[in-house]
PDB file of N, CA and C in Angstrom:
ATOM      1  N   MET A   1     -13.042 336.772   0.301  1.00  0.00           N
ATOM      2  CA  MET A   1     -12.668 335.564   0.382  1.00  0.00           C
ATOM      3  C   MET A   1     -12.822 335.508  -0.988  1.00  0.00           C
ATOM      4  N   ASN A   2     -12.402 334.790  -1.751  1.00  0.00           N
ATOM      5  CA  ASN A   2     -12.273 334.210  -2.808  1.00  0.00           C
ATOM      6  C   ASN A   2     -13.390 333.566  -3.731  1.00  0.00           C
ATOM      7  N   ASP A   3     -13.808 333.710  -4.458  1.00  0.00           N
ATOM      8  CA  ASP A   3     -15.343 332.797  -4.857  1.00  0.00           C
ATOM      9  C   ASP A   3     -14.928 332.251  -5.945  1.00  0.00           C
ATOM     10  N   LEU A   4     -15.367 330.726  -6.124  1.00  0.00           N
ATOM     11  CA  LEU A   4     -14.716 329.758  -6.658  1.00  0.00           C
ATOM     12  C   LEU A   4     -15.295 330.068  -8.408  1.00  0.00           C
ATOM     13  N   GLU A   5     -14.614 329.462  -8.866  1.00  0.00           N
ATOM     14  CA  GLU A   5     -14.982 329.073 -10.822  1.00  0.00           C
ATOM     15  C   GLU A   5     -16.282 329.024 -10.844  1.00  0.00           C
ATOM     16  N   ALA A   6     -16.466 329.301 -11.495  1.00  0.00           N
ATOM     17  CA  ALA A   6     -18.333 328.892 -12.285  1.00  0.00           C
ATOM     18  C   ALA A   6     -17.187 328.197 -13.336  1.00  0.00           C
ATOM     19  N   LEU A   7     -18.604 326.926 -13.248  1.00  0.00           N
ATOM     20  CA  LEU A   7     -18.301 325.273 -14.808  1.00  0.00           C
ATOM     21  C   LEU A   7     -18.897 325.256 -15.238  1.00  0.00           C
ATOM     22  N   ASN A   8     -17.951 325.257 -16.980  1.00  0.00           N
ATOM     23  CA  ASN A   8     -18.959 325.125 -17.301  1.00  0.00           C
ATOM     24  C   ASN A   8     -19.406 323.170 -17.447  1.00  0.00           C
ATOM     25  N   PRO A   9     -20.904 323.781 -17.959  1.00  0.00           N
ATOM     26  CA  PRO A   9     -22.319 322.351 -17.724  1.00  0.00           C
ATOM     27  C   PRO A   9     -20.827 321.111 -18.014  1.00  0.00           C
ATOM     28  N   LEU A  10     -20.363 321.421 -18.995  1.00  0.00           N
ATOM     29  CA  LEU A  10     -20.239 320.003 -19.655  1.00  0.00           C
ATOM     30  C   LEU A  10     -18.315 320.154 -18.848  1.00  0.00           C
ATOM     31  N   SER A  11     -18.027 320.796 -18.390  1.00  0.00           N
ATOM     32  CA  SER A  11     -16.814 320.102 -17.551  1.00  0.00           C
ATOM     33  C   SER A  11     -16.582 319.138 -16.366  1.00  0.00           C
ATOM     34  N   PRO A  12     -15.271 318.269 -16.782  1.00  0.00           N
ATOM     35  CA  PRO A  12     -15.298 317.377 -16.316  1.00  0.00           C
ATOM     36  C   PRO A  12     -14.624 317.413 -14.757  1.00  0.00           C
ATOM     37  N   LYS A  13     -14.774 318.580 -14.604  1.00  0.00           N
ATOM     38  CA  LYS A  13     -14.268 319.493 -12.594  1.00  0.00           C
ATOM     39  C   LYS A  13     -15.495 319.343 -12.067  1.00  0.00           C
ATOM     40  N   GLY A  14     -16.793 319.793 -12.999  1.00  0.00           N
ATOM     41  CA  GLY A  14     -17.803 319.678 -11.858  1.00  0.00           C
ATOM     42  C   GLY A  14     -18.291 318.356 -11.851  1.00  0.00           C
ATOM     43  N   ALA A  15     -18.247 317.675 -13.094  1.00  0.00           N
ATOM     44  CA  ALA A  15     -18.350 315.676 -12.636  1.00  0.00           C
ATOM     45  C   ALA A  15     -17.562 315.137 -12.308  1.00  0.00           C
ATOM     46  N   LEU A  16     -15.888 315.165 -11.262  1.00  0.00           N
ATOM     47  CA  LEU A  16     -16.246 314.910 -10.642  1.00  0.00           C
ATOM     48  C   LEU A  16     -16.529 315.347  -8.679  1.00  0.00           C
ATOM     49  N   GLU A  17     -16.845 316.543  -8.541  1.00  0.00           N
ATOM     50  CA  GLU A  17     -17.886 316.423  -7.907  1.00  0.00           C
ATOM     51  C   GLU A  17     -18.951 316.225  -7.337  1.00  0.00           C
ATOM     52  N   ALA A  18     -19.212 316.449  -9.325  1.00  0.00           N
ATOM     53  CA  ALA A  18     -21.102 315.178  -8.349  1.00  0.00           C
ATOM     54  C   ALA A  18     -20.516 313.918  -7.999  1.00  0.00           C
ATOM     55  N   LEU A  19     -19.299 313.461  -8.360  1.00  0.00           N
ATOM     56  CA  LEU A  19     -19.361 311.881  -9.119  1.00  0.00           C
ATOM     57  C   LEU A  19     -18.662 311.488  -7.192  1.00  0.00           C
ATOM     58  N   LEU A  20     -18.013 312.626  -7.068  1.00  0.00           N
ATOM     59  CA  LEU A  20     -17.703 312.557  -5.305  1.00  0.00           C
ATOM     60  C   LEU A  20     -18.555 313.202  -4.227  1.00  0.00           C
ATOM     61  N   LEU A  21     -19.970 313.547  -4.642  1.00  0.00           N
ATOM     62  CA  LEU A  21     -21.178 313.295  -3.767  1.00  0.00           C
ATOM     63  C   LEU A  21     -22.169 312.265  -3.505  1.00  0.00           C
ATOM     64  N   VAL A  22     -21.813 311.716  -4.727  1.00  0.00           N
ATOM     65  CA  VAL A  22     -22.439 310.888  -4.021  1.00  0.00           C
ATOM     66  C   VAL A  22     -21.864 309.078  -3.805  1.00  0.00           C
ATOM     67  N   SER A  23     -20.731 310.005  -3.338  1.00  0.00           N
ATOM     68  CA  SER A  23     -19.648 308.437  -3.046  1.00  0.00           C
ATOM     69  C   SER A  23     -19.421 308.951  -1.031  1.00  0.00           C
ATOM     70  N   SER A  24     -19.369 307.473  -0.465  1.00  0.00           N
ATOM     71  CA  SER A  24     -18.923 307.706   0.872  1.00  0.00           C
ATOM     72  C   SER A  24     -17.787 306.574   0.745  1.00  0.00           C
ATOM     73  N   ASP A  25     -17.106 306.265  -0.088  1.00  0.00           N
ATOM     74  CA  ASP A  25     -16.037 306.006   0.593  1.00  0.00           C
ATOM     75  C   ASP A  25     -14.969 306.559  -1.051  1.00  0.00           C
ATOM     76  N   PRO A  26     -13.598 306.623  -0.346  1.00  0.00           N
ATOM     77  CA  PRO A  26     -13.063 307.357  -1.479  1.00  0.00           C
ATOM     78  C   PRO A  26     -12.599 306.819  -2.474  1.00  0.00           C
ATOM     79  N   VAL A  27     -12.063 306.999  -3.747  1.00  0.00           N
ATOM     80  CA  VAL A  27     -12.616 306.945  -4.597  1.00  0.00           C
ATOM     81  C   VAL A  27     -10.904 307.451  -5.710  1.00  0.00           C
ATOM     82  N   SER A  28     -10.449 306.678  -6.418  1.00  0.00           N
ATOM     83  CA  SER A  28      -9.003 306.944  -6.958  1.00  0.00           C
ATOM     84  C   SER A  28      -8.942 307.419  -8.043  1.00  0.00           C
ATOM     85  N   ALA A  29      -8.266 308.358  -8.155  1.00  0.00           N
ATOM     86  CA  ALA A  29      -8.342 309.592  -9.965  1.00  0.00           C
ATOM     87  C   ALA A  29      -8.299 308.143 -10.630  1.00  0.00           C
ATOM     88  N   SER A  30      -8.281 307.281 -10.623  1.00  0.00           N
ATOM     89  CA  SER A  30      -7.970 306.331 -11.700  1.00  0.00           C
ATOM     90  C   SER A  30      -9.602 306.170 -12.533  1.00  0.00           C
ATOM     91  N   THR A  31     -10.196 305.821 -11.161  1.00  0.00           N
ATOM     92  CA  THR A  31     -11.896 304.937 -11.557  1.00  0.00           C
ATOM     93  C   THR A  31     -12.586 305.750 -11.646  1.00  0.00           C
ATOM     94  N   LEU A  32     -12.374 307.300 -11.352  1.00  0.00           N
ATOM     95  CA  LEU A  32     -12.912 308.612 -11.512  1.00  0.00           C
ATOM     96  C   LEU A  32     -12.336 308.909 -13.316  1.00  0.00           C
ATOM     97  N   ALA A  33     -11.258 308.596 -14.172  1.00  0.00           N
ATOM     98  CA  ALA A  33     -10.676 308.799 -14.944  1.00  0.00           C
ATOM     99  C   ALA A  33     -11.508 308.076 -16.201  1.00  0.00           C
ATOM    100  N   GLN A  34     -11.743 306.981 -15.311  1.00  0.00           N
ATOM    101  CA  GLN A  34     -12.622 305.990 -16.532  1.00  0.00           C
ATOM    102  C   GLN A  34     -13.959 306.487 -16.754  1.00  0.00           C
ATOM    103  N   ALA A  35     -14.697 306.795 -15.339  1.00  0.00           N
ATOM    104  CA  ALA A  35     -15.647 306.743 -15.635  1.00  0.00           C
ATOM    105  C   ALA A  35     -16.146 308.043 -16.233  1.00  0.00           C
ATOM    106  N   LEU A  36     -15.166 309.246 -16.908  1.00  0.00           N
ATOM    107  CA  LEU A  36     -15.190 310.377 -17.220  1.00  0.00           C
ATOM    108  C   LEU A  36     -14.542 310.736 -18.636  1.00  0.00           C
ATOM    109  N   ASP A  37     -14.117 309.032 -18.878  1.00  0.00           N
ATOM    110  CA  ASP A  37     -13.455 309.083 -19.848  1.00  0.00           C
ATOM    111  C   ASP A  37     -12.306 309.709 -20.843  1.00  0.00           C
ATOM    112  N   ILE A  38     -11.273 310.609 -19.077  1.00  0.00           N
ATOM    113  CA  ILE A  38     -10.191 311.824 -19.329  1.00  0.00           C
ATOM    114  C   ILE A  38      -8.676 310.466 -18.571  1.00  0.00           C
ATOM    115  N   THR A  39      -7.690 311.175 -18.587  1.00  0.00           N
ATOM    116  CA  THR A  39      -6.935 310.396 -18.552  1.00  0.00           C
ATOM    117  C   THR A  39      -6.840 310.047 -16.635  1.00  0.00           C
ATOM    118  N   PRO A  40      -5.685 309.146 -16.206  1.00  0.00           N
ATOM    119  CA  PRO A  40      -5.621 309.413 -14.800  1.00  0.00           C
ATOM    120  C   PRO A  40      -4.934 310.607 -14.312  1.00  0.00           C
ATOM    121  N   GLY A  41      -4.293 311.234 -14.848  1.00  0.00           N
ATOM    122  CA  GLY A  41      -3.374 312.637 -14.734  1.00  0.00           C
ATOM    123  C   GLY A  41      -3.852 313.317 -14.733  1.00  0.00           C
ATOM    124  N   GLU A  42      -4.642 313.527 -15.943  1.00  0.00           N
ATOM    125  CA  GLU A  42      -6.040 314.487 -15.618  1.00  0.00           C
ATOM    126  C   GLU A  42      -6.159 314.952 -14.678  1.00  0.00           C
ATOM    127  N   ALA A  43      -7.073 313.189 -14.513  1.00  0.00           N
ATOM    128  CA  ALA A  43      -8.191 313.807 -13.148  1.00  0.00           C
ATOM    129  C   ALA A  43      -7.802 313.901 -12.012  1.00  0.00           C
ATOM    130  N   ALA A  44      -6.652 313.236 -11.766  1.00  0.00           N
ATOM    131  CA  ALA A  44      -5.640 313.187 -10.905  1.00  0.00           C
ATOM    132  C   ALA A  44      -5.175 314.690 -10.471  1.00  0.00           C
ATOM    133  N   SER A  45      -5.406 315.865 -11.616  1.00  0.00           N
ATOM    134  CA  SER A  45      -4.552 317.006 -11.643  1.00  0.00           C
ATOM    135  C   SER A  45      -5.522 318.283 -11.375  1.00  0.00           C
ATOM    136  N   LEU A  46      -7.243 317.914 -11.936  1.00  0.00           N
ATOM    137  CA  LEU A  46      -8.190 318.178 -11.483  1.00  0.00           C
ATOM    138  C   LEU A  46      -8.379 318.315  -9.840  1.00  0.00           C
ATOM    139  N   LEU A  47      -8.381 316.780  -9.262  1.00  0.00           N
ATOM    140  CA  LEU A  47      -8.443 316.518  -8.149  1.00  0.00           C
ATOM    141  C   LEU A  47      -8.019 317.237  -7.187  1.00  0.00           C
ATOM    142  N   ALA A  48      -6.588 317.843  -7.517  1.00  0.00           N
ATOM    143  CA  ALA A  48      -5.232 319.206  -7.443  1.00  0.00           C
ATOM    144  C   ALA A  48      -5.803 320.438  -6.988  1.00  0.00           C
ATOM    145  N   GLU A  49      -6.841 320.879  -8.764  1.00  0.00           N
ATOM    146  CA  GLU A  49      -7.275 321.778  -8.191  1.00  0.00           C
ATOM    147  C   GLU A  49      -8.400 322.386  -7.216  1.00  0.00           C
ATOM    148  N   LEU A  50      -9.494 321.725  -7.818  1.00  0.00           N
ATOM    149  CA  LEU A  50     -10.201 321.278  -6.374  1.00  0.00           C
ATOM    150  C   LEU A  50      -9.684 321.387  -5.264  1.00  0.00           C
ATOM    151  N   LYS A  51      -8.969 320.558  -4.847  1.00  0.00           N
ATOM    152  CA  LYS A  51      -8.978 320.840  -3.178  1.00  0.00           C
ATOM    153  C   LYS A  51      -8.091 321.914  -3.245  1.00  0.00           C
ATOM    154  N   VAL A  52      -7.083 322.234  -3.647  1.00  0.00           N
ATOM    155  CA  VAL A  52      -6.886 323.698  -3.159  1.00  0.00           C
ATOM    156  C   VAL A  52      -7.762 325.060  -3.605  1.00  0.00           C
ATOM    157  N   GLU A  53      -8.494 324.671  -4.072  1.00  0.00           N
ATOM    158  CA  GLU A  53      -9.673 325.694  -4.673  1.00  0.00           C
ATOM    159  C   GLU A  53     -10.892 326.234  -3.447  1.00  0.00           C
ATOM    160  N   TYR A  54     -10.986 324.508  -3.085  1.00  0.00           N
ATOM    161  CA  TYR A  54     -12.044 324.452  -1.948  1.00  0.00           C
ATOM    162  C   TYR A  54     -10.774 325.235  -0.201  1.00  0.00           C
ATOM    163  N   GLU A  55     -10.001 324.690  -0.589  1.00  0.00           N
ATOM    164  CA  GLU A  55      -9.371 325.677   0.493  1.00  0.00           C
ATOM    165  C   GLU A  55      -8.888 326.779   0.411  1.00  0.00           C
ATOM    166  N   GLU A  56      -8.645 327.575  -0.682  1.00  0.00           N
ATOM    167  CA  GLU A  56      -8.509 329.144  -0.774  1.00  0.00           C
ATOM    168  C   GLU A  56      -9.409 329.148  -0.531  1.00  0.00           C
ATOM    169  N   ALA A  57     -11.070 329.611  -0.666  1.00  0.00           N
ATOM    170  CA  ALA A  57     -12.637 329.787  -0.362  1.00  0.00           C
ATOM    171  C   ALA A  57     -13.125 329.430   0.732  1.00  0.00           C
ATOM    172  N   ASN A  58     -11.792 328.498   1.996  1.00  0.00           N
ATOM    173  CA  ASN A  58     -13.147 327.723   2.946  1.00  0.00           C
ATOM    174  C   ASN A  58     -13.636 327.529   2.782  1.00  0.00           C
ATOM    175  N   ARG A  59     -13.988 327.061   2.377  1.00  0.00           N
ATOM    176  CA  ARG A  59     -15.475 326.051   2.118  1.00  0.00           C
ATOM    177  C   ARG A  59     -15.702 325.410   3.837  1.00  0.00           C
ATOM    178  N   GLY A  60     -16.507 324.411   3.375  1.00  0.00           N
ATOM    179  CA  GLY A  60     -17.010 324.494   4.613  1.00  0.00           C
ATOM    180  C   GLY A  60     -16.694 322.286   5.033  1.00  0.00           C
ATOM    181  N   PHE A  61     -16.090 322.062   3.314  1.00  0.00           N
ATOM    182  CA  PHE A  61     -15.659 320.963   3.489  1.00  0.00           C
ATOM    183  C   PHE A  61     -14.268 321.110   2.983  1.00  0.00           C
ATOM    184  N   GLN A  62     -13.772 319.564   2.723  1.00  0.00           N
ATOM    185  CA  GLN A  62     -12.650 319.511   1.709  1.00  0.00           C
ATOM    186  C   GLN A  62     -12.276 318.520   1.361  1.00  0.00           C
ATOM    187  N   LEU A  63     -11.629 318.260  -0.211  1.00  0.00           N
ATOM    188  CA  LEU A  63     -11.140 317.244  -0.195  1.00  0.00           C
ATOM    189  C   LEU A  63      -9.800 316.917  -0.068  1.00  0.00           C
ATOM    190  N   ARG A  64      -9.202 315.530   0.759  1.00  0.00           N
ATOM    191  CA  ARG A  64      -8.557 315.200   0.761  1.00  0.00           C
ATOM    192  C   ARG A  64      -7.911 313.899  -0.089  1.00  0.00           C
ATOM    193  N   GLU A  65      -7.464 312.845  -0.429  1.00  0.00           N
ATOM    194  CA  GLU A  65      -7.179 311.932  -0.468  1.00  0.00           C
ATOM    195  C   GLU A  65      -6.633 311.121   0.478  1.00  0.00           C
ATOM    196  N   VAL A  66      -7.347 309.773   0.956  1.00  0.00           N
ATOM    197  CA  VAL A  66      -7.068 308.687   1.562  1.00  0.00           C
ATOM    198  C   VAL A  66      -7.508 307.913   1.491  1.00  0.00           C
ATOM    199  N   ALA A  67      -7.025 306.618   2.001  1.00  0.00           N
ATOM    200  CA  ALA A  67      -7.558 305.494   1.255  1.00  0.00           C
ATOM    201  C   ALA A  67      -7.104 304.884   0.456  1.00  0.00           C
ATOM    202  N   GLY A  68      -6.124 305.735  -0.815  1.00  0.00           N
ATOM    203  CA  GLY A  68      -5.622 305.553  -2.093  1.00  0.00           C
ATOM    204  C   GLY A  68      -7.143 305.854  -3.124  1.00  0.00           C
ATOM    205  N   GLY A  69      -7.934 306.533  -2.580  1.00  0.00           N
ATOM    206  CA  GLY A  69      -8.617 307.721  -2.929  1.00  0.00           C
ATOM    207  C   GLY A  69      -9.403 309.075  -2.891  1.00  0.00           C
ATOM    208  N   TRP A  70      -9.633 309.983  -3.224  1.00  0.00           N
ATOM    209  CA  TRP A  70     -10.563 310.905  -3.043  1.00  0.00           C
ATOM    210  C   TRP A  70     -11.605 310.833  -2.450  1.00  0.00           C
ATOM    211  N   ARG A  71     -12.092 311.449  -1.293  1.00  0.00           N
ATOM    212  CA  ARG A  71     -12.730 311.932  -1.103  1.00  0.00           C
ATOM    213  C   ARG A  71     -13.849 313.071   0.104  1.00  0.00           C
ATOM    214  N   LEU A  72     -14.616 313.855  -0.143  1.00  0.00           N
ATOM    215  CA  LEU A  72     -15.192 314.923   0.367  1.00  0.00           C
ATOM    216  C   LEU A  72     -15.680 315.033   2.252  1.00  0.00           C
ATOM    217  N   PHE A  73     -14.958 315.905   3.064  1.00  0.00           N
ATOM    218  CA  PHE A  73     -14.917 315.246   4.319  1.00  0.00           C
ATOM    219  C   PHE A  73     -15.910 316.666   4.896  1.00  0.00           C
ATOM    220  N   THR A  74     -16.228 316.942   6.209  1.00  0.00           N
ATOM    221  CA  THR A  74     -16.870 318.247   6.320  1.00  0.00           C
ATOM    222  C   THR A  74     -15.552 318.898   6.484  1.00  0.00           C
ATOM    223  N   HIS A  75     -15.485 320.454   6.863  1.00  0.00           N
ATOM    224  CA  HIS A  75     -13.851 321.173   7.273  1.00  0.00           C
ATOM    225  C   HIS A  75     -14.123 320.704   8.712  1.00  0.00           C
ATOM    226  N   PRO A  76     -12.571 321.136   9.621  1.00  0.00           N
ATOM    227  CA  PRO A  76     -12.672 320.020  10.855  1.00  0.00           C
ATOM    228  C   PRO A  76     -13.634 321.187  11.941  1.00  0.00           C
ATOM    229  N   ALA A  77     -12.810 322.277  11.463  1.00  0.00           N
ATOM    230  CA  ALA A  77     -13.520 323.351  12.331  1.00  0.00           C
ATOM    231  C   ALA A  77     -15.325 323.584  12.274  1.00  0.00           C
ATOM    232  N   TYR A  78     -16.553 322.098  11.323  1.00  0.00           N
ATOM    233  CA  TYR A  78     -17.488 322.213  11.447  1.00  0.00           C
ATOM    234  C   TYR A  78     -17.776 320.632  12.237  1.00  0.00           C
ATOM    235  N   HIS A  79     -17.329 319.970  13.370  1.00  0.00           N
ATOM    236  CA  HIS A  79     -16.670 319.033  13.250  1.00  0.00           C
ATOM    237  C   HIS A  79     -18.059 319.097  14.482  1.00  0.00           C
TER     238      HIS A  79
END
């Protein structure tokens, strides 16, 4: 099993995870970018990286793009 990458405490990727954890609704990359003072393209790229990292590590949750935004979901195997 692959290990998830350890994040620097100031990493925008870690901040994205934190924002997604507290959101009950999908959040757009542009909204996340604005909250973190990064470009929407950088936010979208980091979100795509996180999605792949979670899939490759076979986590109990997944990051999906739905309804114009990004949201964490329980992995279907654990519904």
